[in-house]
Amino acid sequence: MQIRNNYDKDVFNGDVGHIESVSMNESSLKVRFEEKLVEYEDS
């Protein structure tokens, strides 16, 4: 669940997604929110 609005990624507080992939090499993961796939980097 997204807990903060992220206008750059077009996801908002309360949006629920499912993890599609995790990349340990790139320290990132991809989450599917309905019809969009969003990538998060380790920060």
N, C-alpha and C. Protein backbone atom coordinates (compact mmCIF):
# COMPACT_ATOMS: atom_id res chain seq x y z
N MET A 1 0.85 -1.17 0.00
CA MET A 1 0.00 0.00 0.00
C MET A 1 0.90 1.23 0.00
N GLN A 2 0.57 2.14 -0.88
CA GLN A 2 1.29 3.42 -0.94
C GLN A 2 0.85 4.26 0.26
N ILE A 3 1.81 4.81 0.98
CA ILE A 3 1.45 5.58 2.19
C ILE A 3 1.69 7.07 2.04
N ARG A 4 2.23 7.51 0.90
CA ARG A 4 2.41 8.93 0.61
C ARG A 4 2.11 9.18 -0.86
N ASN A 5 1.56 10.33 -1.15
CA ASN A 5 1.34 10.70 -2.54
C ASN A 5 2.68 10.82 -3.24
N ASN A 6 2.77 10.28 -4.45
CA ASN A 6 3.96 10.44 -5.28
C ASN A 6 3.46 10.88 -6.65
N TYR A 7 3.46 12.18 -6.87
CA TYR A 7 2.91 12.73 -8.11
C TYR A 7 3.78 12.38 -9.31
N ASP A 8 5.10 12.22 -9.10
CA ASP A 8 5.99 11.84 -10.21
C ASP A 8 5.66 10.46 -10.74
N LYS A 9 5.31 9.53 -9.85
CA LYS A 9 5.00 8.16 -10.26
C LYS A 9 3.50 7.94 -10.45
N ASP A 10 2.70 8.96 -10.16
CA ASP A 10 1.24 8.90 -10.32
C ASP A 10 0.60 7.82 -9.45
N VAL A 11 1.11 7.69 -8.20
CA VAL A 11 0.50 6.81 -7.20
C VAL A 11 0.23 7.63 -5.95
N PHE A 12 -0.83 7.28 -5.25
CA PHE A 12 -1.32 8.13 -4.18
C PHE A 12 -1.61 7.34 -2.91
N ASN A 13 -1.64 8.03 -1.78
CA ASN A 13 -1.90 7.44 -0.49
C ASN A 13 -3.14 6.55 -0.55
N GLY A 14 -2.99 5.30 -0.14
CA GLY A 14 -4.10 4.35 -0.14
C GLY A 14 -4.14 3.44 -1.34
N ASP A 15 -3.38 3.75 -2.40
CA ASP A 15 -3.34 2.85 -3.57
C ASP A 15 -2.72 1.51 -3.16
N VAL A 16 -3.32 0.42 -3.60
CA VAL A 16 -2.83 -0.92 -3.26
C VAL A 16 -2.25 -1.55 -4.52
N GLY A 17 -1.04 -2.08 -4.38
CA GLY A 17 -0.39 -2.72 -5.51
C GLY A 17 0.16 -4.08 -5.10
N HIS A 18 0.68 -4.80 -6.10
CA HIS A 18 1.28 -6.12 -5.89
C HIS A 18 2.69 -6.10 -6.44
N ILE A 19 3.64 -6.60 -5.66
CA ILE A 19 5.03 -6.66 -6.10
C ILE A 19 5.13 -7.65 -7.25
N GLU A 20 5.71 -7.19 -8.36
CA GLU A 20 5.90 -8.06 -9.53
C GLU A 20 7.32 -8.61 -9.61
N SER A 21 8.30 -7.79 -9.22
CA SER A 21 9.68 -8.27 -9.28
C SER A 21 10.55 -7.49 -8.31
N VAL A 22 11.65 -8.15 -7.91
CA VAL A 22 12.64 -7.54 -7.03
C VAL A 22 14.00 -7.76 -7.67
N SER A 23 14.79 -6.69 -7.75
CA SER A 23 16.13 -6.79 -8.30
C SER A 23 17.13 -6.43 -7.21
N MET A 24 17.81 -7.44 -6.69
CA MET A 24 18.80 -7.20 -5.66
C MET A 24 20.01 -6.47 -6.25
N ASN A 25 20.36 -6.76 -7.51
CA ASN A 25 21.51 -6.12 -8.15
C ASN A 25 21.30 -4.62 -8.31
N GLU A 26 20.09 -4.22 -8.66
CA GLU A 26 19.79 -2.81 -8.89
C GLU A 26 19.15 -2.15 -7.68
N SER A 27 18.94 -2.91 -6.61
CA SER A 27 18.28 -2.41 -5.39
C SER A 27 16.96 -1.72 -5.73
N SER A 28 16.12 -2.45 -6.47
CA SER A 28 14.83 -1.88 -6.85
C SER A 28 13.76 -2.97 -6.86
N LEU A 29 12.52 -2.51 -6.89
CA LEU A 29 11.41 -3.45 -7.06
C LEU A 29 10.34 -2.80 -7.91
N LYS A 30 9.52 -3.63 -8.55
CA LYS A 30 8.44 -3.15 -9.41
C LYS A 30 7.11 -3.57 -8.81
N VAL A 31 6.19 -2.62 -8.74
CA VAL A 31 4.88 -2.84 -8.14
C VAL A 31 3.81 -2.52 -9.17
N ARG A 32 2.84 -3.43 -9.32
CA ARG A 32 1.72 -3.22 -10.23
C ARG A 32 0.56 -2.60 -9.46
N PHE A 33 0.17 -1.39 -9.87
CA PHE A 33 -1.01 -0.70 -9.36
C PHE A 33 -2.03 -0.71 -10.49
N GLU A 34 -3.04 -1.55 -10.38
CA GLU A 34 -4.06 -1.73 -11.42
C GLU A 34 -3.40 -1.87 -12.78
N GLU A 35 -3.42 -0.83 -13.61
CA GLU A 35 -2.90 -0.97 -14.97
C GLU A 35 -1.52 -0.35 -15.18
N LYS A 36 -0.88 0.13 -14.10
CA LYS A 36 0.44 0.73 -14.28
C LYS A 36 1.48 0.00 -13.44
N LEU A 37 2.67 -0.09 -13.98
CA LEU A 37 3.80 -0.72 -13.31
C LEU A 37 4.74 0.39 -12.84
N VAL A 38 5.03 0.40 -11.55
CA VAL A 38 5.85 1.47 -10.95
C VAL A 38 7.13 0.86 -10.39
N GLU A 39 8.26 1.49 -10.69
CA GLU A 39 9.54 1.01 -10.17
C GLU A 39 9.99 1.89 -9.01
N TYR A 40 10.40 1.25 -7.92
CA TYR A 40 10.92 1.94 -6.74
C TYR A 40 12.38 1.57 -6.58
N GLU A 41 13.21 2.57 -6.33
CA GLU A 41 14.62 2.36 -6.08
C GLU A 41 14.89 2.50 -4.58
N ASP A 42 15.93 1.83 -4.10
CA ASP A 42 16.33 1.95 -2.70
C ASP A 42 16.83 3.36 -2.46
N SER A 43 16.31 4.00 -1.45
CA SER A 43 16.78 5.35 -1.12
C SER A 43 16.93 5.53 0.37
